[in-house]
């Protein structure tokens, strides 16, 4: 399978259309092998991200990747909640604590357009 075929499969685009686009780009720029380079860069990024998620390349499928991403999102959410001091957002005081923290960590004066009362 060629790089153009693999890219077409990933993009769910007609192979002929991509082949035509790459051919025209080669004629305009004089650069060849762009499709191969794009595919190799994509493969490198996929391997890196799978490694960060702790998923072996041979075991990677959409449902496993989704599950691992959700697991990491939940962990980040829990860590942020702990960082905030486990506020109770069902009360005004809990929400105010979050606003106060935002004001504490904000850098510099307020910039932008604001509606005056």
PDB file of N, CA and C in Angstrom:
ATOM      1  N   UNK A   1       0.852  -1.172   0.000  1.00  0.00           N
ATOM      2  CA  UNK A   1       0.000   0.000   0.000  1.00  0.00           C
ATOM      3  C   UNK A   1       0.901   1.240   0.000  1.00  0.00           C
ATOM      4  N   UNK A   2       0.614   2.176  -0.893  1.00  0.00           N
ATOM      5  CA  UNK A   2       1.427   3.390  -1.001  1.00  0.00           C
ATOM      6  C   UNK A   2       1.027   4.403   0.075  1.00  0.00           C
ATOM      7  N   UNK A   3       1.883   5.396   0.250  1.00  0.00           N
ATOM      8  CA  UNK A   3       1.594   6.451   1.235  1.00  0.00           C
ATOM      9  C   UNK A   3       0.303   7.180   0.886  1.00  0.00           C
ATOM     10  N   UNK A   4       0.086   7.427  -0.389  1.00  0.00           N
ATOM     11  CA  UNK A   4      -1.136   8.123  -0.806  1.00  0.00           C
ATOM     12  C   UNK A   4      -2.359   7.272  -0.471  1.00  0.00           C
ATOM     13  N   UNK A   5      -2.276   5.971  -0.681  1.00  0.00           N
ATOM     14  CA  UNK A   5      -3.394   5.089  -0.338  1.00  0.00           C
ATOM     15  C   UNK A   5      -3.657   5.108   1.167  1.00  0.00           C
ATOM     16  N   UNK A   6      -2.579   5.094   1.956  1.00  0.00           N
ATOM     17  CA  UNK A   6      -2.743   5.110   3.412  1.00  0.00           C
ATOM     18  C   UNK A   6      -3.322   6.435   3.899  1.00  0.00           C
ATOM     19  N   UNK A   7      -2.852   7.550   3.322  1.00  0.00           N
ATOM     20  CA  UNK A   7      -3.386   8.864   3.695  1.00  0.00           C
ATOM     21  C   UNK A   7      -4.849   8.960   3.293  1.00  0.00           C
ATOM     22  N   UNK A   8      -5.189   8.463   2.115  1.00  0.00           N
ATOM     23  CA  UNK A   8      -6.577   8.476   1.645  1.00  0.00           C
ATOM     24  C   UNK A   8      -7.467   7.687   2.599  1.00  0.00           C
ATOM     25  N   UNK A   9      -6.968   6.563   3.069  1.00  0.00           N
ATOM     26  CA  UNK A   9      -7.725   5.747   4.018  1.00  0.00           C
ATOM     27  C   UNK A   9      -7.943   6.499   5.333  1.00  0.00           C
ATOM     28  N   UNK A  10      -6.886   7.155   5.839  1.00  0.00           N
ATOM     29  CA  UNK A  10      -7.000   7.923   7.077  1.00  0.00           C
ATOM     30  C   UNK A  10      -7.977   9.090   6.949  1.00  0.00           C
ATOM     31  N   UNK A  11      -7.913   9.780   5.796  1.00  0.00           N
ATOM     32  CA  UNK A  11      -8.769  10.950   5.579  1.00  0.00           C
ATOM     33  C   UNK A  11     -10.151  10.605   5.045  1.00  0.00           C
ATOM     34  N   UNK A  12     -10.315   9.329   4.698  1.00  0.00           N
ATOM     35  CA  UNK A  12     -11.561   8.878   4.062  1.00  0.00           C
ATOM     36  C   UNK A  12     -11.866   9.716   2.820  1.00  0.00           C
ATOM     37  N   UNK A  13     -10.810   9.895   2.036  1.00  0.00           N
ATOM     38  CA  UNK A  13     -10.900  10.676   0.806  1.00  0.00           C
ATOM     39  C   UNK A  13     -10.586   9.766  -0.379  1.00  0.00           C
ATOM     40  N   UNK A  14     -11.095  10.110  -1.553  1.00  0.00           N
ATOM     41  CA  UNK A  14     -10.786   9.292  -2.730  1.00  0.00           C
ATOM     42  C   UNK A  14      -9.287   9.321  -3.039  1.00  0.00           C
ATOM     43  N   UNK A  15      -8.736   8.155  -3.253  1.00  0.00           N
ATOM     44  CA  UNK A  15      -7.308   8.030  -3.524  1.00  0.00           C
ATOM     45  C   UNK A  15      -6.908   8.822  -4.768  1.00  0.00           C
ATOM     46  N   UNK A  16      -7.750   8.792  -5.784  1.00  0.00           N
ATOM     47  CA  UNK A  16      -7.453   9.485  -7.033  1.00  0.00           C
ATOM     48  C   UNK A  16      -7.329  10.989  -6.805  1.00  0.00           C
ATOM     49  N   UNK A  17      -8.195  11.527  -5.963  1.00  0.00           N
ATOM     50  CA  UNK A  17      -8.164  12.964  -5.669  1.00  0.00           C
ATOM     51  C   UNK A  17      -6.857  13.339  -4.989  1.00  0.00           C
ATOM     52  N   UNK A  18      -6.458  12.557  -3.988  1.00  0.00           N
ATOM     53  CA  UNK A  18      -5.199  12.845  -3.299  1.00  0.00           C
ATOM     54  C   UNK A  18      -4.004  12.685  -4.230  1.00  0.00           C
ATOM     55  N   UNK A  19      -4.028  11.666  -5.068  1.00  0.00           N
ATOM     56  CA  UNK A  19      -2.925  11.451  -6.011  1.00  0.00           C
ATOM     57  C   UNK A  19      -2.802  12.650  -6.947  1.00  0.00           C
ATOM     58  N   UNK A  20      -3.937  13.157  -7.386  1.00  0.00           N
ATOM     59  CA  UNK A  20      -3.941  14.326  -8.267  1.00  0.00           C
ATOM     60  C   UNK A  20      -3.402  15.563  -7.541  1.00  0.00           C
ATOM     61  N   UNK A  21      -3.818  15.756  -6.304  1.00  0.00           N
ATOM     62  CA  UNK A  21      -3.349  16.904  -5.517  1.00  0.00           C
ATOM     63  C   UNK A  21      -1.843  16.829  -5.315  1.00  0.00           C
ATOM     64  N   UNK A  22      -1.336  15.666  -4.906  1.00  0.00           N
ATOM     65  CA  UNK A  22       0.106  15.525  -4.689  1.00  0.00           C
ATOM     66  C   UNK A  22       0.878  15.700  -5.995  1.00  0.00           C
ATOM     67  N   UNK A  23       0.323  15.215  -7.076  1.00  0.00           N
ATOM     68  CA  UNK A  23       0.977  15.368  -8.379  1.00  0.00           C
ATOM     69  C   UNK A  23       1.079  16.848  -8.750  1.00  0.00           C
ATOM     70  N   UNK A  24      -0.001  17.588  -8.570  1.00  0.00           N
ATOM     71  CA  UNK A  24       0.006  19.025  -8.877  1.00  0.00           C
ATOM     72  C   UNK A  24       0.962  19.775  -7.956  1.00  0.00           C
ATOM     73  N   UNK A  25       0.997  19.386  -6.689  1.00  0.00           N
ATOM     74  CA  UNK A  25       1.910  20.043  -5.754  1.00  0.00           C
ATOM     75  C   UNK A  25       3.362  19.785  -6.142  1.00  0.00           C
ATOM     76  N   UNK A  26       3.652  18.565  -6.593  1.00  0.00           N
ATOM     77  CA  UNK A  26       5.009  18.244  -7.026  1.00  0.00           C
ATOM     78  C   UNK A  26       5.415  19.097  -8.220  1.00  0.00           C
ATOM     79  N   UNK A  27       4.491  19.283  -9.156  1.00  0.00           N
ATOM     80  CA  UNK A  27       4.783  20.093 -10.343  1.00  0.00           C
ATOM     81  C   UNK A  27       4.994  21.557  -9.964  1.00  0.00           C
ATOM     82  N   UNK A  28       4.185  22.053  -9.022  1.00  0.00           N
ATOM     83  CA  UNK A  28       4.299  23.459  -8.618  1.00  0.00           C
ATOM     84  C   UNK A  28       5.563  23.739  -7.809  1.00  0.00           C
ATOM     85  N   UNK A  29       5.895  22.833  -6.897  1.00  0.00           N
ATOM     86  CA  UNK A  29       7.007  23.096  -5.972  1.00  0.00           C
ATOM     87  C   UNK A  29       8.304  22.411  -6.355  1.00  0.00           C
ATOM     88  N   UNK A  30       8.208  21.373  -7.153  1.00  0.00           N
ATOM     89  CA  UNK A  30       9.398  20.616  -7.509  1.00  0.00           C
ATOM     90  C   UNK A  30       9.836  19.639  -6.425  1.00  0.00           C
ATOM     91  N   UNK A  31       9.074  19.569  -5.360  1.00  0.00           N
ATOM     92  CA  UNK A  31       9.412  18.657  -4.256  1.00  0.00           C
ATOM     93  C   UNK A  31       8.717  17.321  -4.476  1.00  0.00           C
ATOM     94  N   UNK A  32       9.459  16.251  -4.265  1.00  0.00           N
ATOM     95  CA  UNK A  32       8.893  14.914  -4.419  1.00  0.00           C
ATOM     96  C   UNK A  32       8.924  14.190  -3.079  1.00  0.00           C
ATOM     97  N   UNK A  33       8.113  13.147  -2.968  1.00  0.00           N
ATOM     98  CA  UNK A  33       8.105  12.337  -1.755  1.00  0.00           C
ATOM     99  C   UNK A  33       7.389  12.983  -0.580  1.00  0.00           C
ATOM    100  N   UNK A  34       6.584  14.004  -0.844  1.00  0.00           N
ATOM    101  CA  UNK A  34       5.889  14.716   0.231  1.00  0.00           C
ATOM    102  C   UNK A  34       4.875  13.803   0.916  1.00  0.00           C
ATOM    103  N   UNK A  35       4.161  13.008   0.134  1.00  0.00           N
ATOM    104  CA  UNK A  35       3.170  12.099   0.715  1.00  0.00           C
ATOM    105  C   UNK A  35       3.850  11.101   1.652  1.00  0.00           C
ATOM    106  N   UNK A  36       4.988  10.579   1.231  1.00  0.00           N
ATOM    107  CA  UNK A  36       5.735   9.641   2.084  1.00  0.00           C
ATOM    108  C   UNK A  36       6.150  10.308   3.387  1.00  0.00           C
ATOM    109  N   UNK A  37       6.641  11.530   3.276  1.00  0.00           N
ATOM    110  CA  UNK A  37       7.098  12.258   4.460  1.00  0.00           C
ATOM    111  C   UNK A  37       5.928  12.543   5.406  1.00  0.00           C
ATOM    112  N   UNK A  38       4.800  12.968   4.854  1.00  0.00           N
ATOM    113  CA  UNK A  38       3.608  13.237   5.673  1.00  0.00           C
ATOM    114  C   UNK A  38       3.179  11.969   6.392  1.00  0.00           C
ATOM    115  N   UNK A  39       3.138  10.858   5.672  1.00  0.00           N
ATOM    116  CA  UNK A  39       2.706   9.609   6.298  1.00  0.00           C
ATOM    117  C   UNK A  39       3.678   9.177   7.391  1.00  0.00           C
ATOM    118  N   UNK A  40       4.981   9.304   7.141  1.00  0.00           N
ATOM    119  CA  UNK A  40       5.978   8.916   8.146  1.00  0.00           C
ATOM    120  C   UNK A  40       5.885   9.798   9.391  1.00  0.00           C
ATOM    121  N   UNK A  41       5.679  11.105   9.198  1.00  0.00           N
ATOM    122  CA  UNK A  41       5.517  12.006  10.340  1.00  0.00           C
ATOM    123  C   UNK A  41       4.272  11.634  11.145  1.00  0.00           C
ATOM    124  N   UNK A  42       3.211  11.295  10.446  1.00  0.00           N
ATOM    125  CA  UNK A  42       1.978  10.889  11.126  1.00  0.00           C
ATOM    126  C   UNK A  42       2.208   9.612  11.934  1.00  0.00           C
ATOM    127  N   UNK A  43       2.904   8.642  11.347  1.00  0.00           N
ATOM    128  CA  UNK A  43       3.187   7.394  12.052  1.00  0.00           C
ATOM    129  C   UNK A  43       4.035   7.642  13.293  1.00  0.00           C
ATOM    130  N   UNK A  44       5.000   8.554  13.186  1.00  0.00           N
ATOM    131  CA  UNK A  44       5.849   8.889  14.330  1.00  0.00           C
ATOM    132  C   UNK A  44       5.013   9.490  15.454  1.00  0.00           C
ATOM    133  N   UNK A  45       4.107  10.408  15.096  1.00  0.00           N
ATOM    134  CA  UNK A  45       3.254  11.030  16.116  1.00  0.00           C
ATOM    135  C   UNK A  45       2.312  10.012  16.750  1.00  0.00           C
ATOM    136  N   UNK A  46       1.757   9.118  15.946  1.00  0.00           N
ATOM    137  CA  UNK A  46       0.861   8.092  16.474  1.00  0.00           C
ATOM    138  C   UNK A  46       1.609   7.210  17.467  1.00  0.00           C
ATOM    139  N   UNK A  47       2.813   6.776  17.107  1.00  0.00           N
ATOM    140  CA  UNK A  47       3.613   5.940  18.014  1.00  0.00           C
ATOM    141  C   UNK A  47       3.901   6.672  19.316  1.00  0.00           C
ATOM    142  N   UNK A  48       4.250   7.953  19.211  1.00  0.00           N
ATOM    143  CA  UNK A  48       4.555   8.749  20.402  1.00  0.00           C
ATOM    144  C   UNK A  48       3.326   8.862  21.309  1.00  0.00           C
ATOM    145  N   UNK A  49       2.185   9.180  20.733  1.00  0.00           N
ATOM    146  CA  UNK A  49       0.966   9.359  21.529  1.00  0.00           C
ATOM    147  C   UNK A  49       0.499   8.040  22.131  1.00  0.00           C
ATOM    148  N   UNK A  50       0.618   6.951  21.391  1.00  0.00           N
ATOM    149  CA  UNK A  50       0.264   5.650  21.947  1.00  0.00           C
ATOM    150  C   UNK A  50       1.179   5.305  23.118  1.00  0.00           C
ATOM    151  N   UNK A  51       2.460   5.647  22.974  1.00  0.00           N
ATOM    152  CA  UNK A  51       3.404   5.416  24.063  1.00  0.00           C
ATOM    153  C   UNK A  51       3.034   6.225  25.300  1.00  0.00           C
ATOM    154  N   UNK A  52       2.629   7.477  25.100  1.00  0.00           N
ATOM    155  CA  UNK A  52       2.212   8.326  26.223  1.00  0.00           C
ATOM    156  C   UNK A  52       0.978   7.765  26.921  1.00  0.00           C
ATOM    157  N   UNK A  53       0.121   7.110  26.135  1.00  0.00           N
ATOM    158  CA  UNK A  53      -1.087   6.511  26.708  1.00  0.00           C
ATOM    159  C   UNK A  53      -0.819   5.116  27.276  1.00  0.00           C
ATOM    160  N   UNK A  54       0.369   4.590  27.025  1.00  0.00           N
ATOM    161  CA  UNK A  54       0.721   3.264  27.522  1.00  0.00           C
ATOM    162  C   UNK A  54       0.047   2.143  26.750  1.00  0.00           C
ATOM    163  N   UNK A  55      -0.212   2.385  25.473  1.00  0.00           N
ATOM    164  CA  UNK A  55      -0.887   1.384  24.632  1.00  0.00           C
ATOM    165  C   UNK A  55       0.129   0.813  23.650  1.00  0.00           C
ATOM    166  N   UNK A  56       0.329  -0.509  23.660  1.00  0.00           N
ATOM    167  CA  UNK A  56       1.212  -1.114  22.656  1.00  0.00           C
ATOM    168  C   UNK A  56       0.612  -0.924  21.260  1.00  0.00           C
ATOM    169  N   UNK A  57       1.484  -0.674  20.294  1.00  0.00           N
ATOM    170  CA  UNK A  57       1.019  -0.389  18.936  1.00  0.00           C
ATOM    171  C   UNK A  57       0.167  -1.516  18.353  1.00  0.00           C
ATOM    172  N   UNK A  58       0.522  -2.754  18.654  1.00  0.00           N
ATOM    173  CA  UNK A  58      -0.219  -3.884  18.097  1.00  0.00           C
ATOM    174  C   UNK A  58      -1.585  -4.079  18.760  1.00  0.00           C
ATOM    175  N   UNK A  59      -1.810  -3.468  19.908  1.00  0.00           N
ATOM    176  CA  UNK A  59      -3.087  -3.600  20.619  1.00  0.00           C
ATOM    177  C   UNK A  59      -4.003  -2.395  20.412  1.00  0.00           C
ATOM    178  N   UNK A  60      -3.507  -1.368  19.722  1.00  0.00           N
ATOM    179  CA  UNK A  60      -4.240  -0.113  19.589  1.00  0.00           C
ATOM    180  C   UNK A  60      -5.448  -0.269  18.672  1.00  0.00           C
ATOM    181  N   UNK A  61      -6.614   0.013  19.222  1.00  0.00           N
ATOM    182  CA  UNK A  61      -7.820   0.152  18.414  1.00  0.00           C
ATOM    183  C   UNK A  61      -8.593   1.345  18.980  1.00  0.00           C
ATOM    184  N   UNK A  62      -9.600   1.793  18.256  1.00  0.00           N
ATOM    185  CA  UNK A  62     -10.304   3.022  18.627  1.00  0.00           C
ATOM    186  C   UNK A  62     -10.896   2.954  20.024  1.00  0.00           C
ATOM    187  N   UNK A  63     -11.485   1.841  20.403  1.00  0.00           N
ATOM    188  CA  UNK A  63     -12.132   1.760  21.712  1.00  0.00           C
ATOM    189  C   UNK A  63     -11.117   1.799  22.850  1.00  0.00           C
ATOM    190  N   UNK A  64      -9.969   1.155  22.672  1.00  0.00           N
ATOM    191  CA  UNK A  64      -8.934   1.175  23.702  1.00  0.00           C
ATOM    192  C   UNK A  64      -8.331   2.572  23.836  1.00  0.00           C
ATOM    193  N   UNK A  65      -8.073   3.216  22.710  1.00  0.00           N
ATOM    194  CA  UNK A  65      -7.519   4.573  22.731  1.00  0.00           C
ATOM    195  C   UNK A  65      -8.512   5.515  23.411  1.00  0.00           C
ATOM    196  N   UNK A  66      -9.782   5.405  23.058  1.00  0.00           N
ATOM    197  CA  UNK A  66     -10.807   6.251  23.682  1.00  0.00           C
ATOM    198  C   UNK A  66     -10.857   6.024  25.192  1.00  0.00           C
ATOM    199  N   UNK A  67     -10.807   4.768  25.609  1.00  0.00           N
ATOM    200  CA  UNK A  67     -10.862   4.453  27.030  1.00  0.00           C
ATOM    201  C   UNK A  67      -9.666   5.040  27.773  1.00  0.00           C
ATOM    202  N   UNK A  68      -8.483   4.952  27.186  1.00  0.00           N
ATOM    203  CA  UNK A  68      -7.281   5.487  27.829  1.00  0.00           C
ATOM    204  C   UNK A  68      -7.314   7.011  27.896  1.00  0.00           C
ATOM    205  N   UNK A  69      -7.817   7.646  26.837  1.00  0.00           N
ATOM    206  CA  UNK A  69      -7.928   9.112  26.848  1.00  0.00           C
ATOM    207  C   UNK A  69      -8.915   9.553  27.922  1.00  0.00           C
ATOM    208  N   UNK A  70     -10.046   8.856  28.026  1.00  0.00           N
ATOM    209  CA  UNK A  70     -11.029   9.197  29.061  1.00  0.00           C
ATOM    210  C   UNK A  70     -10.455   8.977  30.460  1.00  0.00           C
ATOM    211  N   UNK A  71      -9.667   7.911  30.620  1.00  0.00           N
ATOM    212  CA  UNK A  71      -9.037   7.640  31.914  1.00  0.00           C
ATOM    213  C   UNK A  71      -8.092   8.784  32.297  1.00  0.00           C
ATOM    214  N   UNK A  72      -7.292   9.255  31.327  1.00  0.00           N
ATOM    215  CA  UNK A  72      -6.374  10.365  31.589  1.00  0.00           C
ATOM    216  C   UNK A  72      -7.143  11.658  31.867  1.00  0.00           C
ATOM    217  N   UNK A  73      -8.237  11.880  31.157  1.00  0.00           N
ATOM    218  CA  UNK A  73      -9.045  13.087  31.383  1.00  0.00           C
ATOM    219  C   UNK A  73      -9.651  13.069  32.784  1.00  0.00           C
ATOM    220  N   UNK A  74     -10.141  11.908  33.209  1.00  0.00           N
ATOM    221  CA  UNK A  74     -10.701  11.795  34.568  1.00  0.00           C
ATOM    222  C   UNK A  74      -9.625  12.046  35.626  1.00  0.00           C
ATOM    223  N   UNK A  75      -8.438  11.516  35.405  1.00  0.00           N
ATOM    224  CA  UNK A  75      -7.337  11.710  36.353  1.00  0.00           C
ATOM    225  C   UNK A  75      -6.940  13.184  36.425  1.00  0.00           C
ATOM    226  N   UNK A  76      -6.890  13.847  35.280  1.00  0.00           N
ATOM    227  CA  UNK A  76      -6.555  15.276  35.263  1.00  0.00           C
ATOM    228  C   UNK A  76      -7.650  16.086  35.951  1.00  0.00           C
ATOM    229  N   UNK A  77      -8.897  15.727  35.719  1.00  0.00           N
ATOM    230  CA  UNK A  77     -10.024  16.410  36.356  1.00  0.00           C
ATOM    231  C   UNK A  77      -9.961  16.247  37.874  1.00  0.00           C
ATOM    232  N   UNK A  78      -9.683  15.047  38.329  1.00  0.00           N
ATOM    233  CA  UNK A  78      -9.588  14.784  39.765  1.00  0.00           C
ATOM    234  C   UNK A  78      -8.416  15.549  40.383  1.00  0.00           C
ATOM    235  N   UNK A  79      -7.281  15.573  39.689  1.00  0.00           N
ATOM    236  CA  UNK A  79      -6.109  16.305  40.192  1.00  0.00           C
ATOM    237  C   UNK A  79      -6.402  17.793  40.279  1.00  0.00           C
ATOM    238  N   UNK A  80      -7.093  18.340  39.287  1.00  0.00           N
ATOM    239  CA  UNK A  80      -7.450  19.763  39.301  1.00  0.00           C
ATOM    240  C   UNK A  80      -8.436  20.050  40.424  1.00  0.00           C
ATOM    241  N   UNK A  81      -9.386  19.159  40.634  1.00  0.00           N
ATOM    242  CA  UNK A  81     -10.362  19.304  41.711  1.00  0.00           C
ATOM    243  C   UNK A  81      -9.652  19.311  43.066  1.00  0.00           C
ATOM    244  N   UNK A  82      -8.670  18.419  43.223  1.00  0.00           N
ATOM    245  CA  UNK A  82      -7.878  18.383  44.460  1.00  0.00           C
ATOM    246  C   UNK A  82      -7.072  19.666  44.618  1.00  0.00           C
ATOM    247  N   UNK A  83      -6.467  20.138  43.523  1.00  0.00           N
ATOM    248  CA  UNK A  83      -5.686  21.369  43.553  1.00  0.00           C
ATOM    249  C   UNK A  83      -6.546  22.547  44.016  1.00  0.00           C
ATOM    250  N   UNK A  84      -7.791  22.549  43.600  1.00  0.00           N
ATOM    251  CA  UNK A  84      -8.702  23.632  43.978  1.00  0.00           C
ATOM    252  C   UNK A  84      -9.181  23.509  45.422  1.00  0.00           C
ATOM    253  N   UNK A  85      -8.870  22.410  46.066  1.00  0.00           N
ATOM    254  CA  UNK A  85      -9.295  22.214  47.453  1.00  0.00           C
ATOM    255  C   UNK A  85     -10.666  21.582  47.574  1.00  0.00           C
ATOM    256  N   UNK A  86     -11.041  20.802  46.582  1.00  0.00           N
ATOM    257  CA  UNK A  86     -12.320  20.087  46.552  1.00  0.00           C
ATOM    258  C   UNK A  86     -13.512  21.012  46.854  1.00  0.00           C
ATOM    259  N   UNK A  87     -13.665  22.097  46.088  1.00  0.00           N
ATOM    260  CA  UNK A  87     -14.762  23.031  46.361  1.00  0.00           C
ATOM    261  C   UNK A  87     -16.134  22.419  46.059  1.00  0.00           C
ATOM    262  N   UNK A  88     -17.144  22.920  46.769  1.00  0.00           N
ATOM    263  CA  UNK A  88     -18.531  22.492  46.552  1.00  0.00           C
ATOM    264  C   UNK A  88     -19.177  23.484  45.597  1.00  0.00           C
ATOM    265  N   UNK A  89     -19.289  23.102  44.332  1.00  0.00           N
ATOM    266  CA  UNK A  89     -19.818  24.020  43.329  1.00  0.00           C
ATOM    267  C   UNK A  89     -21.328  24.169  43.376  1.00  0.00           C
ATOM    268  N   UNK A  90     -21.963  23.441  44.278  1.00  0.00           N
ATOM    269  CA  UNK A  90     -23.412  23.609  44.415  1.00  0.00           C
ATOM    270  C   UNK A  90     -23.746  24.800  45.324  1.00  0.00           C
ATOM    271  N   UNK A  91     -22.705  25.389  45.915  1.00  0.00           N
ATOM    272  CA  UNK A  91     -22.941  26.553  46.782  1.00  0.00           C
ATOM    273  C   UNK A  91     -22.228  27.770  46.198  1.00  0.00           C
ATOM    274  N   UNK A  92     -22.712  28.931  46.593  1.00  0.00           N
ATOM    275  CA  UNK A  92     -22.111  30.173  46.122  1.00  0.00           C
ATOM    276  C   UNK A  92     -20.679  30.299  46.647  1.00  0.00           C
ATOM    277  N   UNK A  93     -20.455  29.856  47.866  1.00  0.00           N
ATOM    278  CA  UNK A  93     -19.117  29.947  48.460  1.00  0.00           C
ATOM    279  C   UNK A  93     -18.109  29.107  47.681  1.00  0.00           C
ATOM    280  N   UNK A  94     -18.509  27.944  47.246  1.00  0.00           N
ATOM    281  CA  UNK A  94     -17.620  27.092  46.467  1.00  0.00           C
ATOM    282  C   UNK A  94     -17.256  27.718  45.136  1.00  0.00           C
ATOM    283  N   UNK A  95     -18.247  28.299  44.491  1.00  0.00           N
ATOM    284  CA  UNK A  95     -17.997  28.971  43.211  1.00  0.00           C
ATOM    285  C   UNK A  95     -17.127  30.215  43.423  1.00  0.00           C
ATOM    286  N   UNK A  96     -17.381  30.931  44.506  1.00  0.00           N
ATOM    287  CA  UNK A  96     -16.606  32.128  44.796  1.00  0.00           C
ATOM    288  C   UNK A  96     -15.145  31.782  45.054  1.00  0.00           C
ATOM    289  N   UNK A  97     -14.895  30.642  45.681  1.00  0.00           N
ATOM    290  CA  UNK A  97     -13.519  30.207  45.928  1.00  0.00           C
ATOM    291  C   UNK A  97     -12.771  30.028  44.609  1.00  0.00           C
ATOM    292  N   UNK A  98     -13.442  29.492  43.601  1.00  0.00           N
ATOM    293  CA  UNK A  98     -12.827  29.315  42.294  1.00  0.00           C
ATOM    294  C   UNK A  98     -12.541  30.669  41.648  1.00  0.00           C
ATOM    295  N   UNK A  99     -13.486  31.589  41.751  1.00  0.00           N
ATOM    296  CA  UNK A  99     -13.301  32.934  41.197  1.00  0.00           C
ATOM    297  C   UNK A  99     -12.138  33.627  41.902  1.00  0.00           C
ATOM    298  N   UNK A 100     -12.077  33.510  43.217  1.00  0.00           N
ATOM    299  CA  UNK A 100     -10.989  34.128  43.985  1.00  0.00           C
ATOM    300  C   UNK A 100      -9.635  33.575  43.558  1.00  0.00           C
ATOM    301  N   UNK A 101      -9.562  32.271  43.351  1.00  0.00           N
ATOM    302  CA  UNK A 101      -8.315  31.650  42.913  1.00  0.00           C
ATOM    303  C   UNK A 101      -7.917  32.177  41.533  1.00  0.00           C
ATOM    304  N   UNK A 102      -8.885  32.292  40.651  1.00  0.00           N
ATOM    305  CA  UNK A 102      -8.606  32.809  39.308  1.00  0.00           C
ATOM    306  C   UNK A 102      -8.037  34.228  39.394  1.00  0.00           C
ATOM    307  N   UNK A 103      -8.583  35.057  40.266  1.00  0.00           N
ATOM    308  CA  UNK A 103      -8.079  36.421  40.435  1.00  0.00           C
ATOM    309  C   UNK A 103      -6.678  36.416  41.033  1.00  0.00           C
ATOM    310  N   UNK A 104      -6.386  35.472  41.912  1.00  0.00           N
ATOM    311  CA  UNK A 104      -5.062  35.400  42.533  1.00  0.00           C
ATOM    312  C   UNK A 104      -3.974  35.036  41.525  1.00  0.00           C
ATOM    313  N   UNK A 105      -4.278  34.149  40.619  1.00  0.00           N
ATOM    314  CA  UNK A 105      -3.252  33.687  39.690  1.00  0.00           C
ATOM    315  C   UNK A 105      -3.194  34.504  38.406  1.00  0.00           C
ATOM    316  N   UNK A 106      -4.159  35.397  38.216  1.00  0.00           N
ATOM    317  CA  UNK A 106      -4.191  36.243  37.018  1.00  0.00           C
ATOM    318  C   UNK A 106      -3.002  37.187  37.029  1.00  0.00           C
ATOM    319  N   UNK A 107      -2.346  37.311  35.873  1.00  0.00           N
ATOM    320  CA  UNK A 107      -1.187  38.194  35.760  1.00  0.00           C
ATOM    321  C   UNK A 107      -1.589  39.520  35.132  1.00  0.00           C
ATOM    322  N   UNK A 108      -1.121  40.605  35.695  1.00  0.00           N
ATOM    323  CA  UNK A 108      -1.279  41.920  35.085  1.00  0.00           C
ATOM    324  C   UNK A 108      -2.681  42.479  35.179  1.00  0.00           C
ATOM    325  N   UNK A 109      -2.825  43.706  34.681  1.00  0.00           N
ATOM    326  CA  UNK A 109      -4.131  44.366  34.723  1.00  0.00           C
ATOM    327  C   UNK A 109      -5.095  43.754  33.700  1.00  0.00           C
ATOM    328  N   UNK A 110      -6.373  43.979  33.944  1.00  0.00           N
ATOM    329  CA  UNK A 110      -7.386  43.468  33.028  1.00  0.00           C
ATOM    330  C   UNK A 110      -7.291  44.226  31.699  1.00  0.00           C
ATOM    331  N   UNK A 111      -7.294  43.480  30.615  1.00  0.00           N
ATOM    332  CA  UNK A 111      -7.246  44.091  29.278  1.00  0.00           C
ATOM    333  C   UNK A 111      -8.460  43.630  28.504  1.00  0.00           C
ATOM    334  N   UNK A 112      -8.911  44.445  27.586  1.00  0.00           N
ATOM    335  CA  UNK A 112     -10.004  44.047  26.715  1.00  0.00           C
ATOM    336  C   UNK A 112     -11.166  45.011  26.811  1.00  0.00           C
ATOM    337  N   UNK A 113     -12.257  44.603  26.228  1.00  0.00           N
ATOM    338  CA  UNK A 113     -13.454  45.421  26.218  1.00  0.00           C
ATOM    339  C   UNK A 113     -14.434  44.845  27.219  1.00  0.00           C
ATOM    340  N   UNK A 114     -14.947  45.691  28.078  1.00  0.00           N
ATOM    341  CA  UNK A 114     -15.859  45.250  29.111  1.00  0.00           C
ATOM    342  C   UNK A 114     -17.103  46.127  29.108  1.00  0.00           C
ATOM    343  N   UNK A 115     -18.210  45.542  29.445  1.00  0.00           N
ATOM    344  CA  UNK A 115     -19.467  46.286  29.545  1.00  0.00           C
ATOM    345  C   UNK A 115     -19.497  46.946  30.912  1.00  0.00           C
ATOM    346  N   UNK A 116     -19.753  48.261  30.932  1.00  0.00           N
ATOM    347  CA  UNK A 116     -19.817  48.971  32.193  1.00  0.00           C
ATOM    348  C   UNK A 116     -21.203  48.835  32.774  1.00  0.00           C
ATOM    349  N   UNK A 117     -21.273  48.818  34.084  1.00  0.00           N
ATOM    350  CA  UNK A 117     -22.565  48.746  34.758  1.00  0.00           C
ATOM    351  C   UNK A 117     -23.171  50.121  34.859  1.00  0.00           C
TER     352      UNK A 117
END
